[in-house]
Structures are given as C-alpha cells and as structure tokens.
C-alpha cells in the first residue's frame, strides 16, 4: 500500500497563518539576564587592609651586609 499525502494551502488555514505571524520568543535566563542580575547586586570591597602585626626584622644589618658581600 502506498499512501499519498496531499498538501493544500487554503485561506481557511488559520493555524499556518498564526504560526507564521508570531515572531519567535527569546530564551529566558540567558547570558544577558545573568549579567544584568550580577550588575544589580551591591558590591562592597575593602579599600585597603590595615596591618596589625608589627614588622619583624629577620636579619640584622650586619648579616645582610655579609650576605651581599659574599
């Protein structure tokens, strides 16, 4: 058995006219949406870090001169 399909386009074809007249939708939650969500978040960063540990001299001035000399 061979089935024959006939395609006919008539003016009463409401479904085909509807599908052709509607523009495609954009995908949601894409790259642009994620970027916009990140930009809306408040950003707070420390301007600088205060050092509370005192500086420690590992080698004396004489030891540094000895290293430089050799």
N, C-alpha and C. Protein backbone atom coordinates (compact mmCIF):
# COMPACT_ATOMS: atom_id res chain seq x y z
N UNK A 1 0.83 -1.18 0.00
CA UNK A 1 0.00 0.00 0.00
C UNK A 1 0.88 1.24 0.00
N UNK A 2 0.52 2.14 -0.81
CA UNK A 2 1.23 3.41 -0.89
C UNK A 2 0.25 4.50 -0.48
N UNK A 3 0.72 5.31 0.49
CA UNK A 3 -0.13 6.40 0.96
C UNK A 3 0.30 7.68 0.27
N UNK A 4 -0.65 8.40 -0.21
CA UNK A 4 -0.36 9.66 -0.86
C UNK A 4 -0.82 10.79 0.06
N UNK A 5 0.04 11.74 0.23
CA UNK A 5 -0.30 12.89 1.06
C UNK A 5 -0.44 14.09 0.15
N UNK A 6 -1.49 14.79 0.33
CA UNK A 6 -1.68 15.99 -0.48
C UNK A 6 -1.61 17.21 0.44
N UNK A 7 -0.81 18.15 0.05
CA UNK A 7 -0.67 19.38 0.82
C UNK A 7 -1.37 20.48 0.06
N UNK A 8 -2.32 21.05 0.69
CA UNK A 8 -3.02 22.16 0.05
C UNK A 8 -3.11 23.31 1.03
N UNK A 9 -2.81 24.48 0.56
CA UNK A 9 -2.86 25.68 1.39
C UNK A 9 -4.07 26.47 0.96
N UNK A 10 -4.95 26.68 1.90
CA UNK A 10 -6.16 27.44 1.60
C UNK A 10 -6.22 28.65 2.50
N UNK A 11 -7.15 29.52 2.24
CA UNK A 11 -7.30 30.72 3.06
C UNK A 11 -7.88 30.38 4.42
N UNK A 12 -8.45 29.20 4.58
CA UNK A 12 -9.02 28.79 5.86
C UNK A 12 -7.97 28.15 6.77
N UNK A 13 -6.72 28.14 6.35
CA UNK A 13 -5.65 27.52 7.14
C UNK A 13 -5.22 28.50 8.23
N UNK A 14 -5.98 28.56 9.31
CA UNK A 14 -5.73 29.53 10.38
C UNK A 14 -4.48 29.19 11.18
N UNK A 15 -4.21 27.94 11.37
CA UNK A 15 -3.05 27.53 12.16
C UNK A 15 -1.75 27.94 11.48
N UNK A 16 -1.65 27.72 10.18
CA UNK A 16 -0.45 28.09 9.45
C UNK A 16 -0.24 29.59 9.42
N UNK A 17 -1.29 30.36 9.30
CA UNK A 17 -1.18 31.81 9.29
C UNK A 17 -0.75 32.32 10.66
N UNK A 18 -1.28 31.69 11.71
CA UNK A 18 -0.92 32.10 13.07
C UNK A 18 0.54 31.81 13.36
N UNK A 19 1.01 30.67 12.96
CA UNK A 19 2.39 30.30 13.25
C UNK A 19 3.39 31.16 12.49
N UNK A 20 3.03 31.64 11.33
CA UNK A 20 3.94 32.45 10.55
C UNK A 20 3.95 33.91 10.98
N UNK A 21 2.91 34.37 11.66
CA UNK A 21 2.83 35.78 12.01
C UNK A 21 3.42 36.09 13.38
N UNK A 22 3.66 35.10 14.20
CA UNK A 22 4.19 35.32 15.55
C UNK A 22 5.71 35.21 15.51
N UNK A 23 6.42 36.26 15.98
CA UNK A 23 7.88 36.17 16.00
C UNK A 23 8.35 35.17 17.05
N UNK A 24 9.49 34.54 16.85
CA UNK A 24 9.99 33.57 17.83
C UNK A 24 10.37 34.26 19.13
N UNK A 25 10.14 33.56 20.24
CA UNK A 25 10.48 34.11 21.56
C UNK A 25 11.96 33.95 21.83
N UNK A 26 12.47 34.86 22.63
CA UNK A 26 13.86 34.74 23.08
C UNK A 26 13.91 33.76 24.24
N UNK A 27 15.04 33.13 24.41
CA UNK A 27 15.22 32.24 25.55
C UNK A 27 15.40 33.07 26.81
N UNK A 28 14.83 32.62 27.88
CA UNK A 28 14.97 33.34 29.14
C UNK A 28 16.18 32.81 29.91
N UNK A 29 16.65 33.60 30.85
CA UNK A 29 17.77 33.25 31.72
C UNK A 29 19.04 32.98 30.91
N UNK A 30 19.26 33.79 29.92
CA UNK A 30 20.45 33.65 29.10
C UNK A 30 21.60 34.45 29.68
N UNK A 31 22.63 34.62 28.87
CA UNK A 31 23.83 35.30 29.31
C UNK A 31 23.54 36.75 29.70
N UNK A 32 22.74 37.45 28.92
CA UNK A 32 22.43 38.84 29.22
C UNK A 32 21.65 38.98 30.52
N UNK A 33 20.73 38.06 30.79
CA UNK A 33 19.95 38.12 32.02
C UNK A 33 20.84 37.87 33.23
N UNK A 34 21.76 36.91 33.12
CA UNK A 34 22.66 36.64 34.25
C UNK A 34 23.58 37.82 34.50
N UNK A 35 24.06 38.46 33.44
CA UNK A 35 24.93 39.62 33.58
C UNK A 35 24.17 40.77 34.25
N UNK A 36 22.93 41.00 33.85
CA UNK A 36 22.13 42.06 34.45
C UNK A 36 21.88 41.78 35.93
N UNK A 37 21.65 40.52 36.28
CA UNK A 37 21.43 40.16 37.68
C UNK A 37 22.69 40.40 38.51
N UNK A 38 23.86 40.09 37.94
CA UNK A 38 25.11 40.33 38.67
C UNK A 38 25.36 41.82 38.85
N UNK A 39 25.01 42.63 37.87
CA UNK A 39 25.27 44.05 37.96
C UNK A 39 24.34 44.74 38.95
N UNK A 40 23.20 44.15 39.26
CA UNK A 40 22.27 44.75 40.21
C UNK A 40 22.68 44.49 41.65
N UNK A 41 23.51 43.49 41.89
CA UNK A 41 23.95 43.19 43.26
C UNK A 41 24.87 44.29 43.76
N UNK A 42 24.74 44.66 45.03
CA UNK A 42 25.67 45.66 45.57
C UNK A 42 27.07 45.06 45.74
N UNK A 43 28.05 45.84 45.40
CA UNK A 43 29.42 45.38 45.55
C UNK A 43 30.11 46.25 46.59
N UNK A 44 30.62 45.62 47.60
CA UNK A 44 31.35 46.35 48.63
C UNK A 44 32.69 45.65 48.84
N UNK A 45 33.74 46.39 48.68
CA UNK A 45 35.07 45.84 48.87
C UNK A 45 35.84 46.72 49.83
N UNK A 46 36.78 46.14 50.51
CA UNK A 46 37.64 46.90 51.41
C UNK A 46 38.60 47.74 50.58
N UNK A 47 38.78 48.99 50.96
CA UNK A 47 39.68 49.85 50.21
C UNK A 47 41.12 49.43 50.43
N UNK A 48 41.46 49.06 51.63
CA UNK A 48 42.81 48.58 51.92
C UNK A 48 42.77 47.78 53.21
N UNK A 49 43.80 47.03 53.45
CA UNK A 49 43.90 46.20 54.65
C UNK A 49 44.90 46.83 55.59
N UNK A 50 44.47 47.04 56.83
CA UNK A 50 45.38 47.59 57.85
C UNK A 50 46.17 46.45 58.47
N UNK A 51 47.47 46.59 58.45
CA UNK A 51 48.35 45.58 59.04
C UNK A 51 48.43 45.82 60.54
N UNK A 52 48.06 44.82 61.32
CA UNK A 52 48.09 44.94 62.77
C UNK A 52 49.24 44.15 63.38
N UNK A 53 49.95 43.40 62.55
CA UNK A 53 51.10 42.64 63.02
C UNK A 53 52.33 43.53 62.88
N UNK A 54 53.11 43.66 63.93
CA UNK A 54 54.31 44.51 63.82
C UNK A 54 55.35 43.89 62.89
N UNK A 55 56.12 44.75 62.25
CA UNK A 55 57.19 44.28 61.37
C UNK A 55 58.27 43.61 62.20
N UNK A 56 58.82 42.54 61.67
CA UNK A 56 59.83 41.76 62.37
C UNK A 56 61.09 41.75 61.53
N UNK A 57 62.18 42.10 62.14
CA UNK A 57 63.46 42.11 61.43
C UNK A 57 64.06 40.72 61.52
N UNK A 58 64.16 40.05 60.39
CA UNK A 58 64.66 38.68 60.37
C UNK A 58 66.17 38.65 60.52
N UNK A 59 66.86 39.50 59.77
CA UNK A 59 68.31 39.57 59.84
C UNK A 59 68.73 40.98 60.24
N UNK A 60 69.82 41.05 60.97
CA UNK A 60 70.35 42.36 61.33
C UNK A 60 71.02 42.99 60.11
N UNK A 61 71.35 44.26 60.21
CA UNK A 61 72.02 44.97 59.11
C UNK A 61 73.37 44.35 58.80
N UNK A 62 74.08 43.89 59.85
CA UNK A 62 75.40 43.26 59.65
C UNK A 62 75.27 41.94 58.88
N UNK A 63 74.25 41.16 59.18
CA UNK A 63 74.04 39.88 58.48
C UNK A 63 73.69 40.12 57.01
N UNK A 64 72.90 41.16 56.73
CA UNK A 64 72.56 41.49 55.35
C UNK A 64 73.79 41.92 54.57
N UNK A 65 74.67 42.70 55.21
CA UNK A 65 75.89 43.14 54.54
C UNK A 65 76.80 41.94 54.26
N UNK A 66 76.84 40.99 55.18
CA UNK A 66 77.65 39.80 54.99
C UNK A 66 77.14 38.99 53.79
N UNK A 67 75.83 38.87 53.66
CA UNK A 67 75.25 38.14 52.52
C UNK A 67 75.56 38.87 51.22
N UNK A 68 75.41 40.17 51.21
CA UNK A 68 75.67 40.96 50.00
C UNK A 68 77.15 40.90 49.60
N UNK A 69 78.02 40.88 50.59
CA UNK A 69 79.46 40.86 50.32
C UNK A 69 79.89 39.53 49.71
N UNK A 70 79.29 38.44 50.15
CA UNK A 70 79.66 37.10 49.66
C UNK A 70 78.80 36.79 48.51
